[in-house]
Amino acid sequence: MSKLWAMHGRICSKVGCAREAVATLTYDYGDQMAALGPLGAANDPHAHDLCSPHSERLSVPAGWLIVRHEALRT
């Protein structure tokens, strides 16, 4: 574990964003669905950690569905 991670936790996956991650985004390409939930317990290489502003502004392609965990609904 790096000292940066231990000091600051995980950061947002968006390029250029250094905010602390609060949610984890996963995709199911076959079902055209994006799932946004609380920050995952482990840093999964197939998931994307997002900060609060980026998780609130999340958009998906036309025809896709976003499933948001109840705790993240605003």
PDB file of N, CA and C in Angstrom:
ATOM      1  N   MET A   1       0.863  -1.177   0.000  1.00  0.00           N
ATOM      2  CA  MET A   1       0.000   0.000   0.000  1.00  0.00           C
ATOM      3  C   MET A   1       0.906   1.236   0.000  1.00  0.00           C
ATOM      4  N   SER A   2       0.624   2.183  -0.878  1.00  0.00           N
ATOM      5  CA  SER A   2       1.446   3.384  -0.949  1.00  0.00           C
ATOM      6  C   SER A   2       1.106   4.340   0.179  1.00  0.00           C
ATOM      7  N   LYS A   3       2.052   5.195   0.500  1.00  0.00           N
ATOM      8  CA  LYS A   3       1.815   6.193   1.545  1.00  0.00           C
ATOM      9  C   LYS A   3       0.731   7.174   1.122  1.00  0.00           C
ATOM     10  N   LEU A   4       0.668   7.513  -0.164  1.00  0.00           N
ATOM     11  CA  LEU A   4      -0.362   8.429  -0.653  1.00  0.00           C
ATOM     12  C   LEU A   4      -1.745   7.858  -0.389  1.00  0.00           C
ATOM     13  N   TRP A   5      -1.946   6.574  -0.702  1.00  0.00           N
ATOM     14  CA  TRP A   5      -3.249   5.956  -0.469  1.00  0.00           C
ATOM     15  C   TRP A   5      -3.565   5.947   1.015  1.00  0.00           C
ATOM     16  N   ALA A   6      -2.605   5.616   1.850  1.00  0.00           N
ATOM     17  CA  ALA A   6      -2.835   5.547   3.295  1.00  0.00           C
ATOM     18  C   ALA A   6      -3.188   6.910   3.863  1.00  0.00           C
ATOM     19  N   MET A   7      -2.628   7.959   3.288  1.00  0.00           N
ATOM     20  CA  MET A   7      -2.881   9.305   3.799  1.00  0.00           C
ATOM     21  C   MET A   7      -4.201   9.865   3.287  1.00  0.00           C
ATOM     22  N   HIS A   8      -4.548   9.582   2.061  1.00  0.00           N
ATOM     23  CA  HIS A   8      -5.676  10.256   1.431  1.00  0.00           C
ATOM     24  C   HIS A   8      -6.801   9.330   0.975  1.00  0.00           C
ATOM     25  N   GLY A   9      -6.676   8.051   1.123  1.00  0.00           N
ATOM     26  CA  GLY A   9      -7.688   7.143   0.595  1.00  0.00           C
ATOM     27  C   GLY A   9      -7.609   7.109  -0.918  1.00  0.00           C
ATOM     28  N   ARG A  10      -8.645   6.641  -1.551  1.00  0.00           N
ATOM     29  CA  ARG A  10      -8.645   6.549  -3.009  1.00  0.00           C
ATOM     30  C   ARG A  10      -9.126   7.860  -3.611  1.00  0.00           C
ATOM     31  N   ILE A  11      -8.582   8.177  -4.784  1.00  0.00           N
ATOM     32  CA  ILE A  11      -8.975   9.414  -5.454  1.00  0.00           C
ATOM     33  C   ILE A  11      -9.849   9.097  -6.667  1.00  0.00           C
ATOM     34  N   CYS A  12     -10.530  10.108  -7.136  1.00  0.00           N
ATOM     35  CA  CYS A  12     -11.424  10.003  -8.286  1.00  0.00           C
ATOM     36  C   CYS A  12     -10.652   9.516  -9.514  1.00  0.00           C
ATOM     37  N   SER A  13     -11.286   8.666 -10.297  1.00  0.00           N
ATOM     38  CA  SER A  13     -10.665   8.105 -11.504  1.00  0.00           C
ATOM     39  C   SER A  13     -10.641   9.069 -12.684  1.00  0.00           C
ATOM     40  N   LYS A  14     -11.410  10.144 -12.619  1.00  0.00           N
ATOM     41  CA  LYS A  14     -11.455  11.099 -13.730  1.00  0.00           C
ATOM     42  C   LYS A  14     -10.101  11.788 -13.874  1.00  0.00           C
ATOM     43  N   VAL A  15      -9.629  11.872 -15.093  1.00  0.00           N
ATOM     44  CA  VAL A  15      -8.338  12.495 -15.377  1.00  0.00           C
ATOM     45  C   VAL A  15      -8.330  13.932 -14.873  1.00  0.00           C
ATOM     46  N   GLY A  16      -7.300  14.283 -14.134  1.00  0.00           N
ATOM     47  CA  GLY A  16      -7.139  15.644 -13.637  1.00  0.00           C
ATOM     48  C   GLY A  16      -7.880  15.933 -12.346  1.00  0.00           C
ATOM     49  N   CYS A  17      -8.628  14.984 -11.824  1.00  0.00           N
ATOM     50  CA  CYS A  17      -9.377  15.196 -10.585  1.00  0.00           C
ATOM     51  C   CYS A  17      -8.599  14.567  -9.430  1.00  0.00           C
ATOM     52  N   ALA A  18      -8.410  15.323  -8.381  1.00  0.00           N
ATOM     53  CA  ALA A  18      -7.681  14.821  -7.214  1.00  0.00           C
ATOM     54  C   ALA A  18      -8.572  14.733  -5.980  1.00  0.00           C
ATOM     55  N   ARG A  19      -9.902  14.803  -6.200  1.00  0.00           N
ATOM     56  CA  ARG A  19     -10.816  14.714  -5.058  1.00  0.00           C
ATOM     57  C   ARG A  19     -10.883  13.280  -4.536  1.00  0.00           C
ATOM     58  N   GLU A  20     -11.260  13.157  -3.280  1.00  0.00           N
ATOM     59  CA  GLU A  20     -11.416  11.848  -2.664  1.00  0.00           C
ATOM     60  C   GLU A  20     -12.618  11.124  -3.273  1.00  0.00           C
ATOM     61  N   ALA A  21     -12.443   9.862  -3.606  1.00  0.00           N
ATOM     62  CA  ALA A  21     -13.530   9.058  -4.173  1.00  0.00           C
ATOM     63  C   ALA A  21     -14.545   8.709  -3.094  1.00  0.00           C
ATOM     64  N   VAL A  22     -15.841   8.752  -3.475  1.00  0.00           N
ATOM     65  CA  VAL A  22     -16.922   8.415  -2.543  1.00  0.00           C
ATOM     66  C   VAL A  22     -17.845   7.343  -3.115  1.00  0.00           C
ATOM     67  N   ALA A  23     -17.684   7.010  -4.395  1.00  0.00           N
ATOM     68  CA  ALA A  23     -18.568   6.046  -5.052  1.00  0.00           C
ATOM     69  C   ALA A  23     -17.763   5.213  -6.042  1.00  0.00           C
ATOM     70  N   THR A  24     -18.287   4.032  -6.347  1.00  0.00           N
ATOM     71  CA  THR A  24     -17.651   3.154  -7.324  1.00  0.00           C
ATOM     72  C   THR A  24     -18.627   2.877  -8.461  1.00  0.00           C
ATOM     73  N   LEU A  25     -18.146   3.048  -9.683  1.00  0.00           N
ATOM     74  CA  LEU A  25     -18.935   2.855 -10.896  1.00  0.00           C
ATOM     75  C   LEU A  25     -18.478   1.582 -11.598  1.00  0.00           C
ATOM     76  N   THR A  26     -19.436   0.753 -11.978  1.00  0.00           N
ATOM     77  CA  THR A  26     -19.139  -0.427 -12.788  1.00  0.00           C
ATOM     78  C   THR A  26     -20.077  -0.433 -13.991  1.00  0.00           C
ATOM     79  N   TYR A  27     -19.631  -1.072 -15.064  1.00  0.00           N
ATOM     80  CA  TYR A  27     -20.416  -1.152 -16.294  1.00  0.00           C
ATOM     81  C   TYR A  27     -20.745  -2.600 -16.610  1.00  0.00           C
ATOM     82  N   ASP A  28     -21.916  -2.811 -17.183  1.00  0.00           N
ATOM     83  CA  ASP A  28     -22.294  -4.101 -17.762  1.00  0.00           C
ATOM     84  C   ASP A  28     -22.626  -3.798 -19.219  1.00  0.00           C
ATOM     85  N   TYR A  29     -21.642  -3.998 -20.086  1.00  0.00           N
ATOM     86  CA  TYR A  29     -21.801  -3.624 -21.489  1.00  0.00           C
ATOM     87  C   TYR A  29     -22.884  -4.446 -22.178  1.00  0.00           C
ATOM     88  N   GLY A  30     -23.015  -5.720 -21.824  1.00  0.00           N
ATOM     89  CA  GLY A  30     -24.019  -6.578 -22.443  1.00  0.00           C
ATOM     90  C   GLY A  30     -25.437  -6.108 -22.172  1.00  0.00           C
ATOM     91  N   ASP A  31     -25.681  -5.629 -20.958  1.00  0.00           N
ATOM     92  CA  ASP A  31     -27.015  -5.144 -20.579  1.00  0.00           C
ATOM     93  C   ASP A  31     -27.156  -3.633 -20.734  1.00  0.00           C
ATOM     94  N   GLN A  32     -26.115  -2.969 -21.220  1.00  0.00           N
ATOM     95  CA  GLN A  32     -26.108  -1.511 -21.387  1.00  0.00           C
ATOM     96  C   GLN A  32     -26.540  -0.820 -20.092  1.00  0.00           C
ATOM     97  N   MET A  33     -25.804  -1.132 -19.010  1.00  0.00           N
ATOM     98  CA  MET A  33     -26.155  -0.607 -17.700  1.00  0.00           C
ATOM     99  C   MET A  33     -24.893  -0.165 -16.963  1.00  0.00           C
ATOM    100  N   ALA A  34     -25.024   0.948 -16.247  1.00  0.00           N
ATOM    101  CA  ALA A  34     -23.968   1.436 -15.367  1.00  0.00           C
ATOM    102  C   ALA A  34     -24.515   1.399 -13.947  1.00  0.00           C
ATOM    103  N   ALA A  35     -23.734   0.865 -13.020  1.00  0.00           N
ATOM    104  CA  ALA A  35     -24.154   0.781 -11.622  1.00  0.00           C
ATOM    105  C   ALA A  35     -23.233   1.656 -10.786  1.00  0.00           C
ATOM    106  N   LEU A  36     -23.832   2.544  -9.998  1.00  0.00           N
ATOM    107  CA  LEU A  36     -23.079   3.452  -9.143  1.00  0.00           C
ATOM    108  C   LEU A  36     -23.461   3.169  -7.702  1.00  0.00           C
ATOM    109  N   GLY A  37     -22.480   2.788  -6.907  1.00  0.00           N
ATOM    110  CA  GLY A  37     -22.747   2.445  -5.513  1.00  0.00           C
ATOM    111  C   GLY A  37     -21.721   3.060  -4.591  1.00  0.00           C
ATOM    112  N   PRO A  38     -21.850   2.785  -3.305  1.00  0.00           N
ATOM    113  CA  PRO A  38     -20.870   3.291  -2.341  1.00  0.00           C
ATOM    114  C   PRO A  38     -19.470   2.806  -2.713  1.00  0.00           C
ATOM    115  N   LEU A  39     -18.475   3.497  -2.249  1.00  0.00           N
ATOM    116  CA  LEU A  39     -17.087   3.148  -2.543  1.00  0.00           C
ATOM    117  C   LEU A  39     -16.838   1.689  -2.185  1.00  0.00           C
ATOM    118  N   GLY A  40     -16.337   0.943  -3.145  1.00  0.00           N
ATOM    119  CA  GLY A  40     -16.070  -0.477  -2.926  1.00  0.00           C
ATOM    120  C   GLY A  40     -14.987  -0.689  -1.879  1.00  0.00           C
ATOM    121  N   ALA A  41     -15.033  -1.828  -1.234  1.00  0.00           N
ATOM    122  CA  ALA A  41     -14.075  -2.133  -0.171  1.00  0.00           C
ATOM    123  C   ALA A  41     -12.658  -2.301  -0.708  1.00  0.00           C
ATOM    124  N   ALA A  42     -12.535  -2.799  -1.921  1.00  0.00           N
ATOM    125  CA  ALA A  42     -11.213  -3.011  -2.508  1.00  0.00           C
ATOM    126  C   ALA A  42     -11.092  -2.202  -3.787  1.00  0.00           C
ATOM    127  N   ASN A  43      -9.878  -1.842  -4.124  1.00  0.00           N
ATOM    128  CA  ASN A  43      -9.633  -1.096  -5.352  1.00  0.00           C
ATOM    129  C   ASN A  43      -9.685  -2.072  -6.525  1.00  0.00           C
ATOM    130  N   ASP A  44     -10.833  -2.200  -7.183  1.00  0.00           N
ATOM    131  CA  ASP A  44     -11.071  -3.141  -8.275  1.00  0.00           C
ATOM    132  C   ASP A  44     -10.602  -2.535  -9.592  1.00  0.00           C
ATOM    133  N   PRO A  45      -9.721  -3.215 -10.329  1.00  0.00           N
ATOM    134  CA  PRO A  45      -9.234  -2.654 -11.592  1.00  0.00           C
ATOM    135  C   PRO A  45     -10.313  -2.548 -12.671  1.00  0.00           C
ATOM    136  N   HIS A  46     -11.459  -3.204 -12.481  1.00  0.00           N
ATOM    137  CA  HIS A  46     -12.546  -3.155 -13.461  1.00  0.00           C
ATOM    138  C   HIS A  46     -13.633  -2.165 -13.065  1.00  0.00           C
ATOM    139  N   ALA A  47     -13.399  -1.415 -12.001  1.00  0.00           N
ATOM    140  CA  ALA A  47     -14.363  -0.428 -11.522  1.00  0.00           C
ATOM    141  C   ALA A  47     -13.697   0.943 -11.527  1.00  0.00           C
ATOM    142  N   HIS A  48     -14.512   1.974 -11.480  1.00  0.00           N
ATOM    143  CA  HIS A  48     -14.012   3.342 -11.526  1.00  0.00           C
ATOM    144  C   HIS A  48     -14.508   4.075 -10.282  1.00  0.00           C
ATOM    145  N   ASP A  49     -13.580   4.574  -9.482  1.00  0.00           N
ATOM    146  CA  ASP A  49     -13.949   5.325  -8.290  1.00  0.00           C
ATOM    147  C   ASP A  49     -14.183   6.779  -8.674  1.00  0.00           C
ATOM    148  N   LEU A  50     -15.268   7.359  -8.165  1.00  0.00           N
ATOM    149  CA  LEU A  50     -15.629   8.735  -8.503  1.00  0.00           C
ATOM    150  C   LEU A  50     -15.821   9.574  -7.250  1.00  0.00           C
ATOM    151  N   CYS A  51     -15.498  10.856  -7.354  1.00  0.00           N
ATOM    152  CA  CYS A  51     -15.767  11.810  -6.285  1.00  0.00           C
ATOM    153  C   CYS A  51     -17.252  12.180  -6.329  1.00  0.00           C
ATOM    154  N   SER A  52     -17.694  12.910  -5.344  1.00  0.00           N
ATOM    155  CA  SER A  52     -19.108  13.286  -5.272  1.00  0.00           C
ATOM    156  C   SER A  52     -19.563  14.097  -6.491  1.00  0.00           C
ATOM    157  N   PRO A  53     -18.836  15.165  -6.888  1.00  0.00           N
ATOM    158  CA  PRO A  53     -19.300  15.929  -8.059  1.00  0.00           C
ATOM    159  C   PRO A  53     -19.378  15.087  -9.337  1.00  0.00           C
ATOM    160  N   HIS A  54     -18.397  14.228  -9.579  1.00  0.00           N
ATOM    161  CA  HIS A  54     -18.427  13.413 -10.797  1.00  0.00           C
ATOM    162  C   HIS A  54     -19.501  12.328 -10.719  1.00  0.00           C
ATOM    163  N   SER A  55     -19.760  11.797  -9.545  1.00  0.00           N
ATOM    164  CA  SER A  55     -20.822  10.786  -9.441  1.00  0.00           C
ATOM    165  C   SER A  55     -22.196  11.421  -9.645  1.00  0.00           C
ATOM    166  N   GLU A  56     -22.359  12.667  -9.219  1.00  0.00           N
ATOM    167  CA  GLU A  56     -23.638  13.364  -9.405  1.00  0.00           C
ATOM    168  C   GLU A  56     -23.873  13.740 -10.862  1.00  0.00           C
ATOM    169  N   ARG A  57     -22.794  14.005 -11.607  1.00  0.00           N
ATOM    170  CA  ARG A  57     -22.916  14.420 -13.009  1.00  0.00           C
ATOM    171  C   ARG A  57     -22.801  13.255 -13.987  1.00  0.00           C
ATOM    172  N   LEU A  58     -22.764  12.043 -13.487  1.00  0.00           N
ATOM    173  CA  LEU A  58     -22.594  10.869 -14.336  1.00  0.00           C
ATOM    174  C   LEU A  58     -23.669  10.798 -15.419  1.00  0.00           C
ATOM    175  N   SER A  59     -23.237  10.562 -16.635  1.00  0.00           N
ATOM    176  CA  SER A  59     -24.181  10.334 -17.734  1.00  0.00           C
ATOM    177  C   SER A  59     -23.707   9.106 -18.507  1.00  0.00           C
ATOM    178  N   VAL A  60     -24.630   8.483 -19.202  1.00  0.00           N
ATOM    179  CA  VAL A  60     -24.321   7.282 -19.981  1.00  0.00           C
ATOM    180  C   VAL A  60     -24.852   7.469 -21.398  1.00  0.00           C
ATOM    181  N   PRO A  61     -24.416   6.634 -22.332  1.00  0.00           N
ATOM    182  CA  PRO A  61     -24.910   6.749 -23.706  1.00  0.00           C
ATOM    183  C   PRO A  61     -26.427   6.556 -23.791  1.00  0.00           C
ATOM    184  N   ALA A  62     -27.019   7.105 -24.834  1.00  0.00           N
ATOM    185  CA  ALA A  62     -28.461   6.941 -25.071  1.00  0.00           C
ATOM    186  C   ALA A  62     -28.805   5.458 -25.102  1.00  0.00           C
ATOM    187  N   GLY A  63     -29.889   5.103 -24.440  1.00  0.00           N
ATOM    188  CA  GLY A  63     -30.330   3.718 -24.387  1.00  0.00           C
ATOM    189  C   GLY A  63     -29.789   2.933 -23.208  1.00  0.00           C
ATOM    190  N   TRP A  64     -28.825   3.503 -22.487  1.00  0.00           N
ATOM    191  CA  TRP A  64     -28.259   2.846 -21.313  1.00  0.00           C
ATOM    192  C   TRP A  64     -29.060   3.224 -20.075  1.00  0.00           C
ATOM    193  N   LEU A  65     -28.939   2.400 -19.051  1.00  0.00           N
ATOM    194  CA  LEU A  65     -29.612   2.606 -17.777  1.00  0.00           C
ATOM    195  C   LEU A  65     -28.575   2.861 -16.697  1.00  0.00           C
ATOM    196  N   ILE A  66     -28.848   3.828 -15.810  1.00  0.00           N
ATOM    197  CA  ILE A  66     -27.994   4.052 -14.638  1.00  0.00           C
ATOM    198  C   ILE A  66     -28.746   3.534 -13.419  1.00  0.00           C
ATOM    199  N   VAL A  67     -28.106   2.659 -12.671  1.00  0.00           N
ATOM    200  CA  VAL A  67     -28.661   2.172 -11.410  1.00  0.00           C
ATOM    201  C   VAL A  67     -27.833   2.807 -10.303  1.00  0.00           C
ATOM    202  N   ARG A  68     -28.493   3.621  -9.472  1.00  0.00           N
ATOM    203  CA  ARG A  68     -27.806   4.306  -8.373  1.00  0.00           C
ATOM    204  C   ARG A  68     -28.235   3.696  -7.045  1.00  0.00           C
ATOM    205  N   HIS A  69     -27.260   3.419  -6.196  1.00  0.00           N
ATOM    206  CA  HIS A  69     -27.544   2.923  -4.855  1.00  0.00           C
ATOM    207  C   HIS A  69     -28.322   3.992  -4.100  1.00  0.00           C
ATOM    208  N   GLU A  70     -29.284   3.596  -3.304  1.00  0.00           N
ATOM    209  CA  GLU A  70     -30.152   4.532  -2.579  1.00  0.00           C
ATOM    210  C   GLU A  70     -29.356   5.560  -1.775  1.00  0.00           C
ATOM    211  N   ALA A  71     -28.249   5.175  -1.180  1.00  0.00           N
ATOM    212  CA  ALA A  71     -27.450   6.095  -0.358  1.00  0.00           C
ATOM    213  C   ALA A  71     -26.846   7.225  -1.184  1.00  0.00           C
ATOM    214  N   LEU A  72     -26.751   7.064  -2.502  1.00  0.00           N
ATOM    215  CA  LEU A  72     -26.133   8.080  -3.356  1.00  0.00           C
ATOM    216  C   LEU A  72     -27.146   8.966  -4.058  1.00  0.00           C
ATOM    217  N   ARG A  73     -28.406   8.707  -3.877  1.00  0.00           N
ATOM    218  CA  ARG A  73     -29.433   9.527  -4.540  1.00  0.00           C
ATOM    219  C   ARG A  73     -29.507  10.891  -3.874  1.00  0.00           C
ATOM    220  N   THR A  74     -29.646  11.923  -4.731  1.00  0.00           N
ATOM    221  CA  THR A  74     -29.742  13.292  -4.195  1.00  0.00           C
ATOM    222  C   THR A  74     -31.125  13.839  -4.397  1.00  0.00           C
TER     223      THR A  74
END
